[in-house]
Amino acid sequence: MKICRINCSYPTANSPGQGQIAFYLSSNIPEPQLWITRKQEGIDCSQLPDHVKLLPLSFPRIALSQGRTGFPWRTLKAGYKVLGQMIYFLKSAAHLVRFRPDIVDIHTPYPILGGLFCKYFLGSKLVVSLHGTDILMLRRSWLMRSLLNKADAVLYVSNRMFDELKQFIPVSRLQYIGNGVNMDSFHYKAGHRTKRIVAVGSLKWQKGYSYLIDAVSRVFERFPDHNLSIVGEGSLRDEIL
């Protein structure tokens, strides 16, 4: 069995936390794999085992949530994002044909063109893994909801996503798979506890740190002896600090 994973996020020196789920899936599944990702500074292909081939590709990219919002800016940014995903697919198409995966796993629906190409032209099974803010995008885009319904299976990491997903995807194709934890590294230890709130994750807008900081500031008015620790790296590090 051959698996192709399409995920724009990959751990880098500047942001080691991004793409961790796909990274550990690729590393621990022994079958031959092709991982197509976004080309960015700090990628170290040597981190992956020999049975996983990493293919970094460059393409135009924009975050819909950043910069000016409202019409026509959101429409223009959406068009630019679609263009970027089309270029991403065209650059990957020849590699997909040569690899001929049995399963294509897409992390976030944006690169679904490659998955649909494999499903209908190469006979692959299409699996889409949804994370965090993907559900916000699906609320806005009827087209993406329709395309996502073509997947053979849709995986989601939070049970709160189920009620929305079942409205346009058959329940038989939905599967909850939560984020895993290595119990050899993280386990309960009895002892003194400090009055501290800890948030761990990539420092990017999707994680909602602005809401967290606003919320804990109100908590600390009542409980001034508590502290907040944020652990992670990312583009918002300077802004958060």
C-alpha atoms as a PDB file:
ATOM      1  CA  MET A   1       0.000   0.000   0.000  1.00  0.00           C
ATOM      2  CA  LYS A   2       1.306   3.441  -0.967  1.00  0.00           C
ATOM      3  CA  ILE A   3       0.186   6.614   0.801  1.00  0.00           C
ATOM      4  CA  CYS A   4       0.414  10.201  -0.405  1.00  0.00           C
ATOM      5  CA  ARG A   5       0.075  12.910   2.205  1.00  0.00           C
ATOM      6  CA  ILE A   6      -0.668  16.480   1.099  1.00  0.00           C
ATOM      7  CA  ASN A   7      -0.053  18.945   3.905  1.00  0.00           C
ATOM      8  CA  CYS A   8       1.288  22.476   3.501  1.00  0.00           C
ATOM      9  CA  SER A   9       2.641  22.499   7.069  1.00  0.00           C
ATOM     10  CA  TYR A  10       5.956  20.872   7.959  1.00  0.00           C
ATOM     11  CA  PRO A  11       8.163  21.300  11.052  1.00  0.00           C
ATOM     12  CA  THR A  12      10.898  23.882  10.452  1.00  0.00           C
ATOM     13  CA  ALA A  13      13.647  25.448  12.518  1.00  0.00           C
ATOM     14  CA  ASN A  14      11.530  28.596  13.022  1.00  0.00           C
ATOM     15  CA  SER A  15       8.257  26.771  13.642  1.00  0.00           C
ATOM     16  CA  PRO A  16       8.973  23.224  14.865  1.00  0.00           C
ATOM     17  CA  GLY A  17       5.410  22.650  16.054  1.00  0.00           C
ATOM     18  CA  GLN A  18       3.638  22.957  12.704  1.00  0.00           C
ATOM     19  CA  GLY A  19       2.696  19.797  10.832  1.00  0.00           C
ATOM     20  CA  GLN A  20       3.468  17.549  13.790  1.00  0.00           C
ATOM     21  CA  ILE A  21       0.427  15.291  13.316  1.00  0.00           C
ATOM     22  CA  ALA A  22       1.312  14.540   9.695  1.00  0.00           C
ATOM     23  CA  PHE A  23       4.971  14.169  10.645  1.00  0.00           C
ATOM     24  CA  TYR A  24       4.345  11.462  13.248  1.00  0.00           C
ATOM     25  CA  LEU A  25       1.793   9.689  11.058  1.00  0.00           C
ATOM     26  CA  SER A  26       4.320   9.524   8.230  1.00  0.00           C
ATOM     27  CA  SER A  27       7.154   8.440  10.509  1.00  0.00           C
ATOM     28  CA  ASN A  28       5.230   5.642  12.235  1.00  0.00           C
ATOM     29  CA  ILE A  29       3.325   4.152   9.300  1.00  0.00           C
ATOM     30  CA  PRO A  30       5.832   1.822   7.581  1.00  0.00           C
ATOM     31  CA  GLU A  31       4.297   1.824   4.082  1.00  0.00           C
ATOM     32  CA  PRO A  32       5.960   3.802   1.224  1.00  0.00           C
ATOM     33  CA  GLN A  33       4.830   7.416   1.388  1.00  0.00           C
ATOM     34  CA  LEU A  34       5.042  10.614  -0.611  1.00  0.00           C
ATOM     35  CA  TRP A  35       4.553  13.810   1.398  1.00  0.00           C
ATOM     36  CA  ILE A  36       3.810  16.909  -0.694  1.00  0.00           C
ATOM     37  CA  THR A  37       4.249  20.124   1.270  1.00  0.00           C
ATOM     38  CA  ARG A  38       4.883  23.847   0.861  1.00  0.00           C
ATOM     39  CA  LYS A  39       8.469  24.864   0.208  1.00  0.00           C
ATOM     40  CA  GLN A  40       9.711  27.083   3.019  1.00  0.00           C
ATOM     41  CA  GLU A  41      12.910  28.040   4.775  1.00  0.00           C
ATOM     42  CA  GLY A  42      14.192  25.671   7.435  1.00  0.00           C
ATOM     43  CA  ILE A  43      12.810  22.379   6.093  1.00  0.00           C
ATOM     44  CA  ASP A  44      15.022  19.428   7.029  1.00  0.00           C
ATOM     45  CA  CYS A  45      14.161  16.358   4.924  1.00  0.00           C
ATOM     46  CA  SER A  46      16.589  14.195   6.910  1.00  0.00           C
ATOM     47  CA  GLN A  47      14.129  14.144   9.834  1.00  0.00           C
ATOM     48  CA  LEU A  48      11.950  11.614   7.995  1.00  0.00           C
ATOM     49  CA  PRO A  49      12.657   7.883   7.682  1.00  0.00           C
ATOM     50  CA  ASP A  50      13.747   6.427   4.342  1.00  0.00           C
ATOM     51  CA  HIS A  51      10.301   5.126   3.388  1.00  0.00           C
ATOM     52  CA  VAL A  52       8.919   8.702   3.298  1.00  0.00           C
ATOM     53  CA  LYS A  53       9.833  11.003   0.398  1.00  0.00           C
ATOM     54  CA  LEU A  54       9.276  14.711   1.039  1.00  0.00           C
ATOM     55  CA  LEU A  55       8.386  16.905  -1.942  1.00  0.00           C
ATOM     56  CA  PRO A  56       8.455  20.663  -1.105  1.00  0.00           C
ATOM     57  CA  LEU A  57       6.757  22.824  -3.762  1.00  0.00           C
ATOM     58  CA  SER A  58       6.504  26.607  -3.962  1.00  0.00           C
ATOM     59  CA  PHE A  59       3.195  28.300  -4.809  1.00  0.00           C
ATOM     60  CA  PRO A  60       1.431  31.646  -4.147  1.00  0.00           C
ATOM     61  CA  ARG A  61      -0.111  31.669  -0.693  1.00  0.00           C
ATOM     62  CA  ILE A  62      -2.247  34.087   1.306  1.00  0.00           C
ATOM     63  CA  ALA A  63      -4.076  33.942   4.633  1.00  0.00           C
ATOM     64  CA  LEU A  64      -7.736  34.920   4.199  1.00  0.00           C
ATOM     65  CA  SER A  65      -7.952  36.139   7.780  1.00  0.00           C
ATOM     66  CA  GLN A  66      -5.083  38.624   7.529  1.00  0.00           C
ATOM     67  CA  GLY A  67      -5.024  42.115   6.056  1.00  0.00           C
ATOM     68  CA  ARG A  68      -8.123  43.927   4.833  1.00  0.00           C
ATOM     69  CA  THR A  69     -11.453  42.180   5.164  1.00  0.00           C
ATOM     70  CA  GLY A  70     -14.900  42.632   3.648  1.00  0.00           C
ATOM     71  CA  PHE A  71     -15.925  42.892   0.011  1.00  0.00           C
ATOM     72  CA  PRO A  72     -14.072  43.101  -2.382  1.00  0.00           C
ATOM     73  CA  TRP A  73     -10.902  42.267  -0.424  1.00  0.00           C
ATOM     74  CA  ARG A  74     -12.081  38.864   0.765  1.00  0.00           C
ATOM     75  CA  THR A  75     -13.166  37.964  -2.782  1.00  0.00           C
ATOM     76  CA  LEU A  76      -9.808  39.025  -4.203  1.00  0.00           C
ATOM     77  CA  LYS A  77      -7.887  37.099  -1.551  1.00  0.00           C
ATOM     78  CA  ALA A  78     -10.065  34.019  -2.101  1.00  0.00           C
ATOM     79  CA  GLY A  79      -9.340  34.179  -5.839  1.00  0.00           C
ATOM     80  CA  TYR A  80      -5.618  34.485  -5.151  1.00  0.00           C
ATOM     81  CA  LYS A  81      -5.784  31.488  -2.807  1.00  0.00           C
ATOM     82  CA  VAL A  82      -7.593  29.397  -5.443  1.00  0.00           C
ATOM     83  CA  LEU A  83      -4.919  30.354  -7.980  1.00  0.00           C
ATOM     84  CA  GLY A  84      -2.208  29.267  -5.550  1.00  0.00           C
ATOM     85  CA  GLN A  85      -3.888  25.892  -4.976  1.00  0.00           C
ATOM     86  CA  MET A  86      -4.246  25.332  -8.727  1.00  0.00           C
ATOM     87  CA  ILE A  87      -0.517  25.981  -9.196  1.00  0.00           C
ATOM     88  CA  TYR A  88       0.203  23.682  -6.257  1.00  0.00           C
ATOM     89  CA  PHE A  89      -1.820  20.909  -7.908  1.00  0.00           C
ATOM     90  CA  LEU A  90      -0.292  21.397 -11.362  1.00  0.00           C
ATOM     91  CA  LYS A  91       3.224  21.174  -9.917  1.00  0.00           C
ATOM     92  CA  SER A  92       2.347  17.982  -8.053  1.00  0.00           C
ATOM     93  CA  ALA A  93       0.318  16.213 -10.778  1.00  0.00           C
ATOM     94  CA  ALA A  94       3.231  14.463 -12.523  1.00  0.00           C
ATOM     95  CA  HIS A  95       4.602  13.250  -9.172  1.00  0.00           C
ATOM     96  CA  LEU A  96       1.181  11.872  -8.229  1.00  0.00           C
ATOM     97  CA  VAL A  97       0.927   9.968 -11.514  1.00  0.00           C
ATOM     98  CA  ARG A  98       4.373   8.422 -11.057  1.00  0.00           C
ATOM     99  CA  PHE A  99       3.717   7.484  -7.427  1.00  0.00           C
ATOM    100  CA  ARG A 100       0.125   6.245  -7.991  1.00  0.00           C
ATOM    101  CA  PRO A 101      -0.953   6.209  -4.325  1.00  0.00           C
ATOM    102  CA  ASP A 102      -3.519   3.797  -2.969  1.00  0.00           C
ATOM    103  CA  ILE A 103      -4.569   6.382  -0.369  1.00  0.00           C
ATOM    104  CA  VAL A 104      -4.345  10.179  -0.473  1.00  0.00           C
ATOM    105  CA  ASP A 105      -4.569  11.899   2.909  1.00  0.00           C
ATOM    106  CA  ILE A 106      -5.143  15.652   2.739  1.00  0.00           C
ATOM    107  CA  HIS A 107      -4.639  17.708   5.898  1.00  0.00           C
ATOM    108  CA  THR A 108      -7.114  20.623   5.451  1.00  0.00           C
ATOM    109  CA  PRO A 109      -9.474  20.757   2.434  1.00  0.00           C
ATOM    110  CA  TYR A 110      -7.623  23.482   0.505  1.00  0.00           C
ATOM    111  CA  PRO A 111      -5.443  21.132  -1.642  1.00  0.00           C
ATOM    112  CA  ILE A 112      -8.413  18.917  -2.488  1.00  0.00           C
ATOM    113  CA  LEU A 113      -7.769  19.222  -6.245  1.00  0.00           C
ATOM    114  CA  GLY A 114      -4.872  16.797  -5.926  1.00  0.00           C
ATOM    115  CA  GLY A 115      -6.997  14.394  -3.909  1.00  0.00           C
ATOM    116  CA  LEU A 116      -9.878  14.431  -6.387  1.00  0.00           C
ATOM    117  CA  PHE A 117      -7.435  13.928  -9.270  1.00  0.00           C
ATOM    118  CA  CYS A 118      -6.050  10.816  -7.571  1.00  0.00           C
ATOM    119  CA  LYS A 119      -9.523   9.522  -6.715  1.00  0.00           C
ATOM    120  CA  TYR A 120     -11.056   9.844 -10.188  1.00  0.00           C
ATOM    121  CA  PHE A 121      -8.025   9.325 -12.455  1.00  0.00           C
ATOM    122  CA  LEU A 122      -5.714   7.067 -10.415  1.00  0.00           C
ATOM    123  CA  GLY A 123      -8.284   5.080  -8.428  1.00  0.00           C
ATOM    124  CA  SER A 124      -6.999   6.231  -5.032  1.00  0.00           C
ATOM    125  CA  LYS A 125      -9.062   6.412  -1.853  1.00  0.00           C
ATOM    126  CA  LEU A 126      -9.411  10.012  -0.676  1.00  0.00           C
ATOM    127  CA  VAL A 127      -9.143  10.782   3.037  1.00  0.00           C
ATOM    128  CA  VAL A 128      -9.422  14.360   4.340  1.00  0.00           C
ATOM    129  CA  SER A 129      -8.177  15.181   7.839  1.00  0.00           C
ATOM    130  CA  LEU A 130      -9.783  18.283   9.344  1.00  0.00           C
ATOM    131  CA  HIS A 131      -8.012  20.335  12.005  1.00  0.00           C
ATOM    132  CA  GLY A 132      -9.083  23.308  14.103  1.00  0.00           C
ATOM    133  CA  THR A 133     -10.161  26.266  11.991  1.00  0.00           C
ATOM    134  CA  ASP A 134     -11.000  24.165   8.905  1.00  0.00           C
ATOM    135  CA  ILE A 135     -14.587  24.142  10.150  1.00  0.00           C
ATOM    136  CA  LEU A 136     -14.680  27.961   9.965  1.00  0.00           C
ATOM    137  CA  MET A 137     -13.724  27.843   6.300  1.00  0.00           C
ATOM    138  CA  LEU A 138     -16.336  25.179   5.577  1.00  0.00           C
ATOM    139  CA  ARG A 139     -19.048  27.367   7.103  1.00  0.00           C
ATOM    140  CA  ARG A 140     -18.278  30.066   4.531  1.00  0.00           C
ATOM    141  CA  SER A 141     -17.777  27.955   1.397  1.00  0.00           C
ATOM    142  CA  TRP A 142     -20.574  25.848  -0.075  1.00  0.00           C
ATOM    143  CA  LEU A 143     -18.195  24.824  -2.878  1.00  0.00           C
ATOM    144  CA  MET A 144     -15.641  23.422  -0.456  1.00  0.00           C
ATOM    145  CA  ARG A 145     -18.398  21.599   1.435  1.00  0.00           C
ATOM    146  CA  SER A 146     -19.549  20.022  -1.829  1.00  0.00           C
ATOM    147  CA  LEU A 147     -16.021  18.967  -2.798  1.00  0.00           C
ATOM    148  CA  LEU A 148     -15.361  17.580   0.670  1.00  0.00           C
ATOM    149  CA  ASN A 149     -18.433  15.370   0.280  1.00  0.00           C
ATOM    150  CA  LYS A 150     -16.556  13.503  -2.477  1.00  0.00           C
ATOM    151  CA  ALA A 151     -14.036  12.128   0.032  1.00  0.00           C
ATOM    152  CA  ASP A 152     -14.157   8.447   0.947  1.00  0.00           C
ATOM    153  CA  ALA A 153     -13.521   9.331   4.598  1.00  0.00           C
ATOM    154  CA  VAL A 154     -13.349  12.528   6.628  1.00  0.00           C
ATOM    155  CA  LEU A 155     -11.374  12.524   9.878  1.00  0.00           C
ATOM    156  CA  TYR A 156     -11.911  15.205  12.525  1.00  0.00           C
ATOM    157  CA  VAL A 157     -10.044  15.926  15.744  1.00  0.00           C
ATOM    158  CA  SER A 158     -12.838  17.403  17.872  1.00  0.00           C
ATOM    159  CA  ASN A 159     -16.253  15.954  18.666  1.00  0.00           C
ATOM    160  CA  ARG A 160     -17.693  19.480  18.485  1.00  0.00           C
ATOM    161  CA  MET A 161     -17.187  19.375  14.696  1.00  0.00           C
ATOM    162  CA  PHE A 162     -19.492  16.391  14.242  1.00  0.00           C
ATOM    163  CA  ASP A 163     -22.851  18.203  14.355  1.00  0.00           C
ATOM    164  CA  GLU A 164     -21.835  20.495  11.498  1.00  0.00           C
ATOM    165  CA  LEU A 165     -20.071  17.900   9.373  1.00  0.00           C
ATOM    166  CA  LYS A 166     -22.988  15.444   9.443  1.00  0.00           C
ATOM    167  CA  GLN A 167     -25.164  18.055   7.707  1.00  0.00           C
ATOM    168  CA  PHE A 168     -23.352  17.580   4.382  1.00  0.00           C
ATOM    169  CA  ILE A 169     -21.307  14.371   4.777  1.00  0.00           C
ATOM    170  CA  PRO A 170     -22.834  10.922   5.444  1.00  0.00           C
ATOM    171  CA  VAL A 171     -22.186   9.852   9.021  1.00  0.00           C
ATOM    172  CA  SER A 172     -20.767   6.545   7.766  1.00  0.00           C
ATOM    173  CA  ARG A 173     -17.835   8.462   6.257  1.00  0.00           C
ATOM    174  CA  LEU A 174     -17.064  10.525   9.364  1.00  0.00           C
ATOM    175  CA  GLN A 175     -14.481   9.311  11.840  1.00  0.00           C
ATOM    176  CA  TYR A 176     -13.286  10.975  15.040  1.00  0.00           C
ATOM    177  CA  ILE A 177      -9.538  10.607  15.642  1.00  0.00           C
ATOM    178  CA  GLY A 178      -8.259  12.859  18.411  1.00  0.00           C
ATOM    179  CA  ASN A 179      -4.720  14.164  18.690  1.00  0.00           C
ATOM    180  CA  GLY A 180      -2.495  11.541  20.272  1.00  0.00           C
ATOM    181  CA  VAL A 181      -0.171  11.916  23.256  1.00  0.00           C
ATOM    182  CA  ASN A 182       2.998   9.922  23.864  1.00  0.00           C
ATOM    183  CA  MET A 183       2.334   8.550  27.344  1.00  0.00           C
ATOM    184  CA  ASP A 184       6.007   7.600  27.719  1.00  0.00           C
ATOM    185  CA  SER A 185       6.888  11.301  27.661  1.00  0.00           C
ATOM    186  CA  PHE A 186       3.793  12.817  29.293  1.00  0.00           C
ATOM    187  CA  HIS A 187       2.315  11.208  32.368  1.00  0.00           C
ATOM    188  CA  TYR A 188       0.786  12.185  35.662  1.00  0.00           C
ATOM    189  CA  LYS A 189       3.146  12.881  38.544  1.00  0.00           C
ATOM    190  CA  ALA A 190       1.805  13.463  42.032  1.00  0.00           C
ATOM    191  CA  GLY A 191       3.286  16.431  43.815  1.00  0.00           C
ATOM    192  CA  HIS A 192       3.071  20.155  44.341  1.00  0.00           C
ATOM    193  CA  ARG A 193       1.098  22.049  41.678  1.00  0.00           C
ATOM    194  CA  THR A 194       1.685  25.682  40.799  1.00  0.00           C
ATOM    195  CA  LYS A 195      -1.192  28.040  40.033  1.00  0.00           C
ATOM    196  CA  ARG A 196      -0.357  28.249  36.360  1.00  0.00           C
ATOM    197  CA  ILE A 197      -2.290  28.029  33.093  1.00  0.00           C
ATOM    198  CA  VAL A 198      -0.235  26.489  30.271  1.00  0.00           C
ATOM    199  CA  ALA A 199      -1.038  26.808  26.547  1.00  0.00           C
ATOM    200  CA  VAL A 200       1.011  24.772  24.069  1.00  0.00           C
ATOM    201  CA  GLY A 201       0.808  25.256  20.300  1.00  0.00           C
ATOM    202  CA  SER A 202       2.109  27.043  17.234  1.00  0.00           C
ATOM    203  CA  LEU A 203       2.043  30.817  17.632  1.00  0.00           C
ATOM    204  CA  LYS A 204      -0.342  31.665  14.813  1.00  0.00           C
ATOM    205  CA  TRP A 205      -3.761  33.307  14.561  1.00  0.00           C
ATOM    206  CA  GLN A 206      -5.613  29.994  14.239  1.00  0.00           C
ATOM    207  CA  LYS A 207      -4.777  29.124  17.848  1.00  0.00           C
ATOM    208  CA  GLY A 208      -6.721  32.115  19.208  1.00  0.00           C
ATOM    209  CA  TYR A 209      -4.089  33.444  21.596  1.00  0.00           C
ATOM    210  CA  SER A 210      -5.654  36.918  21.532  1.00  0.00           C
ATOM    211  CA  TYR A 211      -8.839  35.434  23.035  1.00  0.00           C
ATOM    212  CA  LEU A 212      -6.828  33.478  25.585  1.00  0.00           C
ATOM    213  CA  ILE A 213      -4.893  36.534  26.764  1.00  0.00           C
ATOM    214  CA  ASP A 214      -8.089  38.578  27.026  1.00  0.00           C
ATOM    215  CA  ALA A 215      -9.817  35.802  28.989  1.00  0.00           C
ATOM    216  CA  VAL A 216      -7.001  35.165  31.469  1.00  0.00           C
ATOM    217  CA  SER A 217      -6.583  38.884  32.141  1.00  0.00           C
ATOM    218  CA  ARG A 218     -10.122  38.826  33.537  1.00  0.00           C
ATOM    219  CA  VAL A 219      -9.418  35.634  35.474  1.00  0.00           C
ATOM    220  CA  PHE A 220      -6.315  37.145  37.014  1.00  0.00           C
ATOM    221  CA  GLU A 221      -8.347  40.092  38.337  1.00  0.00           C
ATOM    222  CA  ARG A 222     -10.015  37.582  40.665  1.00  0.00           C
ATOM    223  CA  PHE A 223      -7.029  35.257  41.066  1.00  0.00           C
ATOM    224  CA  PRO A 224      -3.915  37.463  40.976  1.00  0.00           C
ATOM    225  CA  ASP A 225      -1.683  34.659  42.242  1.00  0.00           C
ATOM    226  CA  HIS A 226      -2.109  32.690  38.990  1.00  0.00           C
ATOM    227  CA  ASN A 227       0.188  32.849  35.946  1.00  0.00           C
ATOM    228  CA  LEU A 228      -0.019  32.077  32.228  1.00  0.00           C
ATOM    229  CA  SER A 229       2.740  30.278  30.297  1.00  0.00           C
ATOM    230  CA  ILE A 230       2.591  30.036  26.488  1.00  0.00           C
ATOM    231  CA  VAL A 231       4.845  27.419  24.896  1.00  0.00           C
ATOM    232  CA  GLY A 232       5.484  27.466  21.152  1.00  0.00           C
ATOM    233  CA  GLU A 233       7.065  29.133  18.146  1.00  0.00           C
ATOM    234  CA  GLY A 234       5.561  30.925  15.179  1.00  0.00           C
ATOM    235  CA  SER A 235       4.877  34.149  13.311  1.00  0.00           C
ATOM    236  CA  LEU A 236       3.015  35.801  16.219  1.00  0.00           C
ATOM    237  CA  ARG A 237       5.805  35.376  18.771  1.00  0.00           C
ATOM    238  CA  ASP A 238       6.796  39.072  18.864  1.00  0.00           C
ATOM    239  CA  GLU A 239       3.148  40.173  18.930  1.00  0.00           C
ATOM    240  CA  ILE A 240       2.240  37.858  21.804  1.00  0.00           C
ATOM    241  CA  LEU A 241       5.313  38.770  23.843  1.00  0.00           C
END
